Amino acid sequence: MNYPCLVLEQFCQTDIHLEITREGLNEYGEPLESVVYDGKCNYQDKARTVLTAEKKLVEITGSALIQGDACPQLPVISGGDAIVRGAKRRILQGTKARNPDGTVNFTEVMLI
C-alpha cells in the first residue's frame, strides 16, 4: 500500500547540510565517521525555553522537516551538526515518522 507523503517536495525549499554522529568506535578505537546528508528541507524558526531534567535551560531555535529518510544507515538520530541558511546549529533531537508498514514518511530534526 502507498502512504501519502506528509512533507511535500514543493514546500521543501531550504538547503540543509546534516552531519549525524554515529555511536560507537571502529576497530582502531576511533569514533565512527558521521553520516552526511545534503538536500532540501522545510525549515521553521522557533524560539522557546524548556527546563530539562538537569535543570538546564535549552533554547530550541528551529526544526527541519525532510521528505523521506535522511539517514537510512541509522535506526535513530541521536546528535550531530546542521548548517541551515549559513548558520551552524547542533542537533538536539531527531525523529523518524513511520508509516504503519514501518517505512519512514519524513524525518524531523530539532536544532539548537
PDB file of N, CA and C in Angstrom:
ATOM      1  N   MET A   1       0.832  -1.174   0.000  1.00  0.00           N
ATOM      2  CA  MET A   1       0.000   0.000   0.000  1.00  0.00           C
ATOM      3  C   MET A   1       0.882   1.245   0.000  1.00  0.00           C
ATOM      4  N   ASN A   2       0.540   2.230  -0.783  1.00  0.00           N
ATOM      5  CA  ASN A   2       1.256   3.505  -0.799  1.00  0.00           C
ATOM      6  C   ASN A   2       0.635   4.455   0.212  1.00  0.00           C
ATOM      7  N   TYR A   3       1.472   5.046   1.026  1.00  0.00           N
ATOM      8  CA  TYR A   3       1.009   6.025   2.001  1.00  0.00           C
ATOM      9  C   TYR A   3       1.329   7.423   1.490  1.00  0.00           C
ATOM     10  N   PRO A   4       0.473   8.395   1.769  1.00  0.00           N
ATOM     11  CA  PRO A   4       0.743   9.751   1.284  1.00  0.00           C
ATOM     12  C   PRO A   4       1.936  10.363   2.007  1.00  0.00           C
ATOM     13  N   CYS A   5       2.722  11.117   1.278  1.00  0.00           N
ATOM     14  CA  CYS A   5       3.869  11.806   1.865  1.00  0.00           C
ATOM     15  C   CYS A   5       3.355  13.027   2.611  1.00  0.00           C
ATOM     16  N   LEU A   6       3.701  13.159   3.876  1.00  0.00           N
ATOM     17  CA  LEU A   6       3.192  14.254   4.700  1.00  0.00           C
ATOM     18  C   LEU A   6       4.009  15.527   4.569  1.00  0.00           C
ATOM     19  N   VAL A   7       5.235  15.432   4.053  1.00  0.00           N
ATOM     20  CA  VAL A   7       6.068  16.611   3.796  1.00  0.00           C
ATOM     21  C   VAL A   7       6.259  16.680   2.280  1.00  0.00           C
ATOM     22  N   LEU A   8       5.524  17.573   1.657  1.00  0.00           N
ATOM     23  CA  LEU A   8       5.548  17.642   0.200  1.00  0.00           C
ATOM     24  C   LEU A   8       6.819  18.315  -0.311  1.00  0.00           C
ATOM     25  N   GLU A   9       7.306  17.828  -1.444  1.00  0.00           N
ATOM     26  CA  GLU A   9       8.540  18.340  -2.041  1.00  0.00           C
ATOM     27  C   GLU A   9       8.437  19.824  -2.394  1.00  0.00           C
ATOM     28  N   GLN A  10       7.269  20.282  -2.775  1.00  0.00           N
ATOM     29  CA  GLN A  10       7.094  21.686  -3.165  1.00  0.00           C
ATOM     30  C   GLN A  10       7.292  22.647  -1.994  1.00  0.00           C
ATOM     31  N   PHE A  11       7.182  22.168  -0.764  1.00  0.00           N
ATOM     32  CA  PHE A  11       7.381  23.011   0.409  1.00  0.00           C
ATOM     33  C   PHE A  11       8.788  22.901   0.984  1.00  0.00           C
ATOM     34  N   CYS A  12       9.607  22.020   0.442  1.00  0.00           N
ATOM     35  CA  CYS A  12      10.991  21.849   0.895  1.00  0.00           C
ATOM     36  C   CYS A  12      11.900  22.683  -0.005  1.00  0.00           C
ATOM     37  N   GLN A  13      12.171  23.918   0.391  1.00  0.00           N
ATOM     38  CA  GLN A  13      12.942  24.841  -0.437  1.00  0.00           C
ATOM     39  C   GLN A  13      14.256  25.286   0.202  1.00  0.00           C
ATOM     40  N   THR A  14      14.493  24.964   1.458  1.00  0.00           N
ATOM     41  CA  THR A  14      15.679  25.415   2.181  1.00  0.00           C
ATOM     42  C   THR A  14      16.774  24.356   2.110  1.00  0.00           C
ATOM     43  N   ASP A  15      17.987  24.759   1.721  1.00  0.00           N
ATOM     44  CA  ASP A  15      19.126  23.841   1.691  1.00  0.00           C
ATOM     45  C   ASP A  15      19.559  23.515   3.113  1.00  0.00           C
ATOM     46  N   ILE A  16      19.906  22.251   3.342  1.00  0.00           N
ATOM     47  CA  ILE A  16      20.375  21.816   4.655  1.00  0.00           C
ATOM     48  C   ILE A  16      21.530  20.837   4.467  1.00  0.00           C
ATOM     49  N   HIS A  17      22.504  20.937   5.360  1.00  0.00           N
ATOM     50  CA  HIS A  17      23.641  20.016   5.399  1.00  0.00           C
ATOM     51  C   HIS A  17      23.667  19.414   6.801  1.00  0.00           C
ATOM     52  N   LEU A  18      23.489  18.100   6.903  1.00  0.00           N
ATOM     53  CA  LEU A  18      23.499  17.409   8.194  1.00  0.00           C
ATOM     54  C   LEU A  18      24.728  16.526   8.304  1.00  0.00           C
ATOM     55  N   GLU A  19      25.356  16.542   9.461  1.00  0.00           N
ATOM     56  CA  GLU A  19      26.406  15.581   9.816  1.00  0.00           C
ATOM     57  C   GLU A  19      25.943  14.895  11.081  1.00  0.00           C
ATOM     58  N   ILE A  20      25.400  13.688  10.923  1.00  0.00           N
ATOM     59  CA  ILE A  20      24.800  12.949  12.019  1.00  0.00           C
ATOM     60  C   ILE A  20      25.843  12.028  12.622  1.00  0.00           C
ATOM     61  N   THR A  21      26.094  12.189  13.921  1.00  0.00           N
ATOM     62  CA  THR A  21      27.103  11.379  14.591  1.00  0.00           C
ATOM     63  C   THR A  21      26.576   9.974  14.827  1.00  0.00           C
ATOM     64  N   ARG A  22      27.494   9.023  14.756  1.00  0.00           N
ATOM     65  CA  ARG A  22      27.179   7.618  14.995  1.00  0.00           C
ATOM     66  C   ARG A  22      27.765   7.199  16.324  1.00  0.00           C
ATOM     67  N   GLU A  23      27.060   6.339  17.018  1.00  0.00           N
ATOM     68  CA  GLU A  23      27.513   5.834  18.308  1.00  0.00           C
ATOM     69  C   GLU A  23      28.524   4.709  18.081  1.00  0.00           C
ATOM     70  N   GLY A  24      29.533   4.629  18.955  1.00  0.00           N
ATOM     71  CA  GLY A  24      30.469   3.522  18.910  1.00  0.00           C
ATOM     72  C   GLY A  24      31.840   3.892  18.378  1.00  0.00           C
ATOM     73  N   LEU A  25      32.719   2.880  18.357  1.00  0.00           N
ATOM     74  CA  LEU A  25      34.097   3.050  17.923  1.00  0.00           C
ATOM     75  C   LEU A  25      34.423   2.025  16.834  1.00  0.00           C
ATOM     76  N   ASN A  26      35.393   2.375  15.968  1.00  0.00           N
ATOM     77  CA  ASN A  26      35.826   1.429  14.952  1.00  0.00           C
ATOM     78  C   ASN A  26      36.892   0.499  15.541  1.00  0.00           C
ATOM     79  N   GLU A  27      37.501  -0.337  14.699  1.00  0.00           N
ATOM     80  CA  GLU A  27      38.474  -1.327  15.188  1.00  0.00           C
ATOM     81  C   GLU A  27      39.746  -0.694  15.739  1.00  0.00           C
ATOM     82  N   TYR A  28      39.985   0.601  15.458  1.00  0.00           N
ATOM     83  CA  TYR A  28      41.164   1.292  15.961  1.00  0.00           C
ATOM     84  C   TYR A  28      40.857   2.148  17.193  1.00  0.00           C
ATOM     85  N   GLY A  29      39.636   2.077  17.686  1.00  0.00           N
ATOM     86  CA  GLY A  29      39.256   2.850  18.860  1.00  0.00           C
ATOM     87  C   GLY A  29      38.882   4.288  18.563  1.00  0.00           C
ATOM     88  N   GLU A  30      38.708   4.619  17.292  1.00  0.00           N
ATOM     89  CA  GLU A  30      38.319   5.977  16.902  1.00  0.00           C
ATOM     90  C   GLU A  30      36.801   6.046  16.751  1.00  0.00           C
ATOM     91  N   PRO A  31      36.210   7.230  16.941  1.00  0.00           N
ATOM     92  CA  PRO A  31      34.764   7.357  16.722  1.00  0.00           C
ATOM     93  C   PRO A  31      34.408   7.042  15.271  1.00  0.00           C
ATOM     94  N   LEU A  32      33.226   6.464  15.068  1.00  0.00           N
ATOM     95  CA  LEU A  32      32.766   6.148  13.715  1.00  0.00           C
ATOM     96  C   LEU A  32      32.522   7.438  12.939  1.00  0.00           C
ATOM     97  N   GLU A  33      32.697   7.379  11.622  1.00  0.00           N
ATOM     98  CA  GLU A  33      32.502   8.553  10.781  1.00  0.00           C
ATOM     99  C   GLU A  33      31.032   8.970  10.791  1.00  0.00           C
ATOM    100  N   SER A  34      30.809  10.264  10.675  1.00  0.00           N
ATOM    101  CA  SER A  34      29.456  10.808  10.660  1.00  0.00           C
ATOM    102  C   SER A  34      28.753  10.471   9.348  1.00  0.00           C
ATOM    103  N   VAL A  35      27.437  10.377   9.413  1.00  0.00           N
ATOM    104  CA  VAL A  35      26.615  10.210   8.223  1.00  0.00           C
ATOM    105  C   VAL A  35      26.271  11.607   7.723  1.00  0.00           C
ATOM    106  N   VAL A  36      26.510  11.870   6.440  1.00  0.00           N
ATOM    107  CA  VAL A  36      26.300  13.202   5.869  1.00  0.00           C
ATOM    108  C   VAL A  36      25.068  13.183   4.970  1.00  0.00           C
ATOM    109  N   TYR A  37      24.227  14.201   5.116  1.00  0.00           N
ATOM    110  CA  TYR A  37      23.046  14.376   4.262  1.00  0.00           C
ATOM    111  C   TYR A  37      23.042  15.799   3.739  1.00  0.00           C
ATOM    112  N   ASP A  38      22.928  15.958   2.436  1.00  0.00           N
ATOM    113  CA  ASP A  38      22.760  17.261   1.796  1.00  0.00           C
ATOM    114  C   ASP A  38      21.475  17.213   0.986  1.00  0.00           C
ATOM    115  N   GLY A  39      20.601  18.168   1.229  1.00  0.00           N
ATOM    116  CA  GLY A  39      19.352  18.178   0.491  1.00  0.00           C
ATOM    117  C   GLY A  39      18.496  19.374   0.840  1.00  0.00           C
ATOM    118  N   LYS A  40      17.223  19.240   0.579  1.00  0.00           N
ATOM    119  CA  LYS A  40      16.253  20.306   0.821  1.00  0.00           C
ATOM    120  C   LYS A  40      15.372  19.925   2.006  1.00  0.00           C
ATOM    121  N   CYS A  41      14.897  20.962   2.718  1.00  0.00           N
ATOM    122  CA  CYS A  41      14.025  20.729   3.861  1.00  0.00           C
ATOM    123  C   CYS A  41      13.009  21.857   3.975  1.00  0.00           C
ATOM    124  N   ASN A  42      12.020  21.643   4.812  1.00  0.00           N
ATOM    125  CA  ASN A  42      11.083  22.688   5.211  1.00  0.00           C
ATOM    126  C   ASN A  42      11.557  23.135   6.587  1.00  0.00           C
ATOM    127  N   TYR A  43      12.153  24.325   6.652  1.00  0.00           N
ATOM    128  CA  TYR A  43      12.754  24.813   7.898  1.00  0.00           C
ATOM    129  C   TYR A  43      11.863  25.858   8.534  1.00  0.00           C
ATOM    130  N   GLN A  44      11.636  25.709   9.832  1.00  0.00           N
ATOM    131  CA  GLN A  44      10.819  26.649  10.593  1.00  0.00           C
ATOM    132  C   GLN A  44      11.623  27.127  11.800  1.00  0.00           C
ATOM    133  N   ASP A  45      11.783  28.452  11.917  1.00  0.00           N
ATOM    134  CA  ASP A  45      12.458  29.027  13.077  1.00  0.00           C
ATOM    135  C   ASP A  45      11.515  29.024  14.272  1.00  0.00           C
ATOM    136  N   LYS A  46      12.077  28.722  15.429  1.00  0.00           N
ATOM    137  CA  LYS A  46      11.321  28.736  16.677  1.00  0.00           C
ATOM    138  C   LYS A  46      12.195  29.340  17.756  1.00  0.00           C
ATOM    139  N   ALA A  47      11.575  29.816  18.786  1.00  0.00           N
ATOM    140  CA  ALA A  47      12.315  30.276  19.953  1.00  0.00           C
ATOM    141  C   ALA A  47      11.473  29.990  21.179  1.00  0.00           C
ATOM    142  N   ARG A  48      11.934  29.071  22.004  1.00  0.00           N
ATOM    143  CA  ARG A  48      11.265  28.773  23.257  1.00  0.00           C
ATOM    144  C   ARG A  48      12.299  28.250  24.236  1.00  0.00           C
ATOM    145  N   THR A  49      11.946  28.268  25.472  1.00  0.00           N
ATOM    146  CA  THR A  49      12.848  27.816  26.509  1.00  0.00           C
ATOM    147  C   THR A  49      12.178  26.695  27.280  1.00  0.00           C
ATOM    148  N   VAL A  50      12.918  25.614  27.496  1.00  0.00           N
ATOM    149  CA  VAL A  50      12.387  24.469  28.233  1.00  0.00           C
ATOM    150  C   VAL A  50      13.334  24.114  29.366  1.00  0.00           C
ATOM    151  N   LEU A  51      12.810  23.422  30.358  1.00  0.00           N
ATOM    152  CA  LEU A  51      13.606  23.011  31.505  1.00  0.00           C
ATOM    153  C   LEU A  51      13.852  21.509  31.399  1.00  0.00           C
ATOM    154  N   THR A  52      15.111  21.096  31.317  1.00  0.00           N
ATOM    155  CA  THR A  52      15.459  19.683  31.197  1.00  0.00           C
ATOM    156  C   THR A  52      15.561  19.045  32.576  1.00  0.00           C
ATOM    157  N   ALA A  53      15.830  17.751  32.619  1.00  0.00           N
ATOM    158  CA  ALA A  53      15.944  17.025  33.882  1.00  0.00           C
ATOM    159  C   ALA A  53      17.114  17.524  34.722  1.00  0.00           C
ATOM    160  N   GLU A  54      18.156  18.042  34.079  1.00  0.00           N
ATOM    161  CA  GLU A  54      19.323  18.548  34.796  1.00  0.00           C
ATOM    162  C   GLU A  54      19.140  20.004  35.214  1.00  0.00           C
ATOM    163  N   LYS A  55      17.927  20.516  35.146  1.00  0.00           N
ATOM    164  CA  LYS A  55      17.616  21.914  35.491  1.00  0.00           C
ATOM    165  C   LYS A  55      18.394  22.887  34.617  1.00  0.00           C
ATOM    166  N   LYS A  56      18.531  22.552  33.354  1.00  0.00           N
ATOM    167  CA  LYS A  56      19.276  23.359  32.403  1.00  0.00           C
ATOM    168  C   LYS A  56      18.308  23.926  31.376  1.00  0.00           C
ATOM    169  N   LEU A  57      18.450  25.181  31.051  1.00  0.00           N
ATOM    170  CA  LEU A  57      17.592  25.810  30.067  1.00  0.00           C
ATOM    171  C   LEU A  57      18.170  25.603  28.669  1.00  0.00           C
ATOM    172  N   VAL A  58      17.329  25.191  27.752  1.00  0.00           N
ATOM    173  CA  VAL A  58      17.736  24.961  26.372  1.00  0.00           C
ATOM    174  C   VAL A  58      16.807  25.763  25.481  1.00  0.00           C
ATOM    175  N   GLU A  59      17.370  26.538  24.582  1.00  0.00           N
ATOM    176  CA  GLU A  59      16.545  27.306  23.655  1.00  0.00           C
ATOM    177  C   GLU A  59      16.565  26.614  22.305  1.00  0.00           C
ATOM    178  N   ILE A  60      15.418  26.133  21.877  1.00  0.00           N
ATOM    179  CA  ILE A  60      15.310  25.461  20.595  1.00  0.00           C
ATOM    180  C   ILE A  60      15.103  26.528  19.532  1.00  0.00           C
ATOM    181  N   THR A  61      15.944  26.540  18.515  1.00  0.00           N
ATOM    182  CA  THR A  61      15.886  27.622  17.543  1.00  0.00           C
ATOM    183  C   THR A  61      15.271  27.229  16.213  1.00  0.00           C
ATOM    184  N   GLY A  62      14.965  25.976  15.997  1.00  0.00           N
ATOM    185  CA  GLY A  62      14.356  25.629  14.727  1.00  0.00           C
ATOM    186  C   GLY A  62      14.104  24.147  14.568  1.00  0.00           C
ATOM    187  N   SER A  63      13.308  23.834  13.572  1.00  0.00           N
ATOM    188  CA  SER A  63      13.071  22.437  13.227  1.00  0.00           C
ATOM    189  C   SER A  63      13.088  22.308  11.707  1.00  0.00           C
ATOM    190  N   ALA A  64      13.606  21.195  11.247  1.00  0.00           N
ATOM    191  CA  ALA A  64      13.690  20.923   9.812  1.00  0.00           C
ATOM    192  C   ALA A  64      12.929  19.638   9.516  1.00  0.00           C
ATOM    193  N   LEU A  65      12.033  19.709   8.550  1.00  0.00           N
ATOM    194  CA  LEU A  65      11.289  18.539   8.091  1.00  0.00           C
ATOM    195  C   LEU A  65      11.866  18.121   6.749  1.00  0.00           C
ATOM    196  N   ILE A  66      12.288  16.866   6.656  1.00  0.00           N
ATOM    197  CA  ILE A  66      12.930  16.340   5.457  1.00  0.00           C
ATOM    198  C   ILE A  66      12.072  15.211   4.912  1.00  0.00           C
ATOM    199  N   GLN A  67      11.787  15.267   3.640  1.00  0.00           N
ATOM    200  CA  GLN A  67      10.979  14.245   2.999  1.00  0.00           C
ATOM    201  C   GLN A  67      11.726  12.922   2.990  1.00  0.00           C
ATOM    202  N   GLY A  68      11.099  11.856   3.437  1.00  0.00           N
ATOM    203  CA  GLY A  68      11.717  10.533   3.447  1.00  0.00           C
ATOM    204  C   GLY A  68      12.699  10.363   4.597  1.00  0.00           C
ATOM    205  N   ASP A  69      13.605   9.403   4.453  1.00  0.00           N
ATOM    206  CA  ASP A  69      14.583   9.064   5.483  1.00  0.00           C
ATOM    207  C   ASP A  69      15.896   9.781   5.188  1.00  0.00           C
ATOM    208  N   ALA A  70      16.309  10.690   6.077  1.00  0.00           N
ATOM    209  CA  ALA A  70      17.542  11.447   5.873  1.00  0.00           C
ATOM    210  C   ALA A  70      18.781  10.574   6.058  1.00  0.00           C
ATOM    211  N   CYS A  71      18.698   9.552   6.885  1.00  0.00           N
ATOM    212  CA  CYS A  71      19.859   8.660   7.088  1.00  0.00           C
ATOM    213  C   CYS A  71      19.373   7.221   7.282  1.00  0.00           C
ATOM    214  N   PRO A  72      19.178   6.513   6.172  1.00  0.00           N
ATOM    215  CA  PRO A  72      18.701   5.130   6.279  1.00  0.00           C
ATOM    216  C   PRO A  72      19.719   4.180   6.923  1.00  0.00           C
ATOM    217  N   GLN A  73      20.987   4.619   7.045  1.00  0.00           N
ATOM    218  CA  GLN A  73      22.010   3.774   7.658  1.00  0.00           C
ATOM    219  C   GLN A  73      21.817   3.631   9.162  1.00  0.00           C
ATOM    220  N   LEU A  74      21.146   4.613   9.801  1.00  0.00           N
ATOM    221  CA  LEU A  74      20.985   4.622  11.243  1.00  0.00           C
ATOM    222  C   LEU A  74      19.523   4.433  11.630  1.00  0.00           C
ATOM    223  N   PRO A  75      19.255   3.643  12.680  1.00  0.00           N
ATOM    224  CA  PRO A  75      17.867   3.475  13.112  1.00  0.00           C
ATOM    225  C   PRO A  75      17.307   4.709  13.823  1.00  0.00           C
ATOM    226  N   VAL A  76      18.177   5.466  14.504  1.00  0.00           N
ATOM    227  CA  VAL A  76      17.762   6.678  15.221  1.00  0.00           C
ATOM    228  C   VAL A  76      18.790   7.780  15.000  1.00  0.00           C
ATOM    229  N   ILE A  77      18.352   9.028  15.174  1.00  0.00           N
ATOM    230  CA  ILE A  77      19.247  10.178  15.095  1.00  0.00           C
ATOM    231  C   ILE A  77      19.460  10.676  16.513  1.00  0.00           C
ATOM    232  N   SER A  78      20.697  10.587  16.990  1.00  0.00           N
ATOM    233  CA  SER A  78      20.962  10.946  18.383  1.00  0.00           C
ATOM    234  C   SER A  78      21.703  12.263  18.539  1.00  0.00           C
ATOM    235  N   GLY A  79      22.300  12.792  17.500  1.00  0.00           N
ATOM    236  CA  GLY A  79      23.029  14.050  17.622  1.00  0.00           C
ATOM    237  C   GLY A  79      23.817  14.355  16.367  1.00  0.00           C
ATOM    238  N   GLY A  80      24.473  15.518  16.385  1.00  0.00           N
ATOM    239  CA  GLY A  80      25.273  15.923  15.247  1.00  0.00           C
ATOM    240  C   GLY A  80      25.185  17.419  15.037  1.00  0.00           C
ATOM    241  N   ASP A  81      25.520  17.845  13.833  1.00  0.00           N
ATOM    242  CA  ASP A  81      25.510  19.259  13.483  1.00  0.00           C
ATOM    243  C   ASP A  81      24.734  19.462  12.191  1.00  0.00           C
ATOM    244  N   ALA A  82      24.219  20.684  12.036  1.00  0.00           N
ATOM    245  CA  ALA A  82      23.486  21.045  10.829  1.00  0.00           C
ATOM    246  C   ALA A  82      23.873  22.451  10.407  1.00  0.00           C
ATOM    247  N   ILE A  83      23.876  22.677   9.113  1.00  0.00           N
ATOM    248  CA  ILE A  83      24.086  24.026   8.582  1.00  0.00           C
ATOM    249  C   ILE A  83      22.844  24.375   7.773  1.00  0.00           C
ATOM    250  N   VAL A  84      22.115  25.394   8.259  1.00  0.00           N
ATOM    251  CA  VAL A  84      20.883  25.853   7.622  1.00  0.00           C
ATOM    252  C   VAL A  84      20.975  27.363   7.484  1.00  0.00           C
ATOM    253  N   ARG A  85      20.770  27.859   6.266  1.00  0.00           N
ATOM    254  CA  ARG A  85      20.825  29.287   5.971  1.00  0.00           C
ATOM    255  C   ARG A  85      22.129  29.919   6.453  1.00  0.00           C
ATOM    256  N   GLY A  86      23.222  29.195   6.324  1.00  0.00           N
ATOM    257  CA  GLY A  86      24.540  29.705   6.680  1.00  0.00           C
ATOM    258  C   GLY A  86      24.866  29.652   8.153  1.00  0.00           C
ATOM    259  N   ALA A  87      23.955  29.218   8.993  1.00  0.00           N
ATOM    260  CA  ALA A  87      24.196  29.140  10.435  1.00  0.00           C
ATOM    261  C   ALA A  87      24.417  27.693  10.847  1.00  0.00           C
ATOM    262  N   LYS A  88      25.445  27.472  11.654  1.00  0.00           N
ATOM    263  CA  LYS A  88      25.722  26.131  12.147  1.00  0.00           C
ATOM    264  C   LYS A  88      24.968  25.928  13.454  1.00  0.00           C
ATOM    265  N   ARG A  89      24.205  24.847  13.510  1.00  0.00           N
ATOM    266  CA  ARG A  89      23.413  24.535  14.692  1.00  0.00           C
ATOM    267  C   ARG A  89      23.681  23.093  15.099  1.00  0.00           C
ATOM    268  N   ARG A  90      23.368  22.789  16.348  1.00  0.00           N
ATOM    269  CA  ARG A  90      23.546  21.445  16.887  1.00  0.00           C
ATOM    270  C   ARG A  90      22.208  20.707  16.854  1.00  0.00           C
ATOM    271  N   ILE A  91      22.252  19.424  16.540  1.00  0.00           N
ATOM    272  CA  ILE A  91      21.039  18.607  16.522  1.00  0.00           C
ATOM    273  C   ILE A  91      20.711  18.209  17.959  1.00  0.00           C
ATOM    274  N   LEU A  92      19.539  18.597  18.419  1.00  0.00           N
ATOM    275  CA  LEU A  92      19.081  18.239  19.757  1.00  0.00           C
ATOM    276  C   LEU A  92      18.350  16.909  19.736  1.00  0.00           C
ATOM    277  N   GLN A  93      17.529  16.714  18.712  1.00  0.00           N
ATOM    278  CA  GLN A  93      16.695  15.522  18.659  1.00  0.00           C
ATOM    279  C   GLN A  93      16.330  15.235  17.219  1.00  0.00           C
ATOM    280  N   GLY A  94      16.232  13.982  16.889  1.00  0.00           N
ATOM    281  CA  GLY A  94      15.788  13.584  15.565  1.00  0.00           C
ATOM    282  C   GLY A  94      14.660  12.580  15.672  1.00  0.00           C
ATOM    283  N   THR A  95      13.670  12.716  14.801  1.00  0.00           N
ATOM    284  CA  THR A  95      12.518  11.818  14.815  1.00  0.00           C
ATOM    285  C   THR A  95      12.280  11.306  13.403  1.00  0.00           C
ATOM    286  N   LYS A  96      12.090  10.003  13.290  1.00  0.00           N
ATOM    287  CA  LYS A  96      11.708   9.400  12.014  1.00  0.00           C
ATOM    288  C   LYS A  96      10.237   9.003  12.136  1.00  0.00           C
ATOM    289  N   ALA A  97       9.375   9.733  11.436  1.00  0.00           N
ATOM    290  CA  ALA A  97       7.948   9.436  11.450  1.00  0.00           C
ATOM    291  C   ALA A  97       7.692   8.267  10.515  1.00  0.00           C
ATOM    292  N   ARG A  98       7.165   7.203  11.056  1.00  0.00           N
ATOM    293  CA  ARG A  98       6.999   5.975  10.279  1.00  0.00           C
ATOM    294  C   ARG A  98       5.548   5.747   9.859  1.00  0.00           C
ATOM    295  N   ASN A  99       5.412   5.116   8.711  1.00  0.00           N
ATOM    296  CA  ASN A  99       4.116   4.662   8.221  1.00  0.00           C
ATOM    297  C   ASN A  99       3.741   3.375   8.953  1.00  0.00           C
ATOM    298  N   PRO A 100       2.496   2.935   8.880  1.00  0.00           N
ATOM    299  CA  PRO A 100       2.116   1.676   9.547  1.00  0.00           C
ATOM    300  C   PRO A 100       2.895   0.448   9.078  1.00  0.00           C
ATOM    301  N   ASP A 101       3.445   0.488   7.856  1.00  0.00           N
ATOM    302  CA  ASP A 101       4.220  -0.657   7.366  1.00  0.00           C
ATOM    303  C   ASP A 101       5.693  -0.603   7.784  1.00  0.00           C
ATOM    304  N   GLY A 102       6.102   0.451   8.520  1.00  0.00           N
ATOM    305  CA  GLY A 102       7.467   0.551   9.016  1.00  0.00           C
ATOM    306  C   GLY A 102       8.386   1.424   8.187  1.00  0.00           C
ATOM    307  N   THR A 103       7.973   1.848   7.008  1.00  0.00           N
ATOM    308  CA  THR A 103       8.801   2.739   6.198  1.00  0.00           C
ATOM    309  C   THR A 103       8.758   4.152   6.779  1.00  0.00           C
ATOM    310  N   VAL A 104       9.796   4.935   6.498  1.00  0.00           N
ATOM    311  CA  VAL A 104       9.885   6.288   7.029  1.00  0.00           C
ATOM    312  C   VAL A 104       9.190   7.259   6.086  1.00  0.00           C
ATOM    313  N   ASN A 105       8.227   8.018   6.608  1.00  0.00           N
ATOM    314  CA  ASN A 105       7.494   9.001   5.813  1.00  0.00           C
ATOM    315  C   ASN A 105       8.280  10.293   5.727  1.00  0.00           C
ATOM    316  N   PHE A 106       8.755  10.798   6.880  1.00  0.00           N
ATOM    317  CA  PHE A 106       9.579  12.011   6.900  1.00  0.00           C
ATOM    318  C   PHE A 106      10.462  11.989   8.131  1.00  0.00           C
ATOM    319  N   THR A 107      11.500  12.824   8.099  1.00  0.00           N
ATOM    320  CA  THR A 107      12.436  12.954   9.205  1.00  0.00           C
ATOM    321  C   THR A 107      12.316  14.370   9.743  1.00  0.00           C
ATOM    322  N   GLU A 108      12.201  14.496  11.081  1.00  0.00           N
ATOM    323  CA  GLU A 108      12.169  15.796  11.730  1.00  0.00           C
ATOM    324  C   GLU A 108      13.430  15.940  12.578  1.00  0.00           C
ATOM    325  N   VAL A 109      14.116  17.070  12.431  1.00  0.00           N
ATOM    326  CA  VAL A 109      15.340  17.330  13.194  1.00  0.00           C
ATOM    327  C   VAL A 109      15.140  18.628  13.967  1.00  0.00           C
ATOM    328  N   MET A 110      15.267  18.561  15.301  1.00  0.00           N
ATOM    329  CA  MET A 110      15.175  19.751  16.143  1.00  0.00           C
ATOM    330  C   MET A 110      16.576  20.303  16.337  1.00  0.00           C
ATOM    331  N   LEU A 111      16.762  21.605  16.115  1.00  0.00           N
ATOM    332  CA  LEU A 111      18.070  22.227  16.151  1.00  0.00           C
ATOM    333  C   LEU A 111      18.142  23.295  17.235  1.00  0.00           C
ATOM    334  N   ILE A 112      19.319  23.396  17.861  1.00  0.00           N
ATOM    335  CA  ILE A 112      19.566  24.472  18.835  1.00  0.00           C
ATOM    336  C   ILE A 112      20.811  25.230  18.454  1.00  0.00           C
TER     337      ILE A 112
END
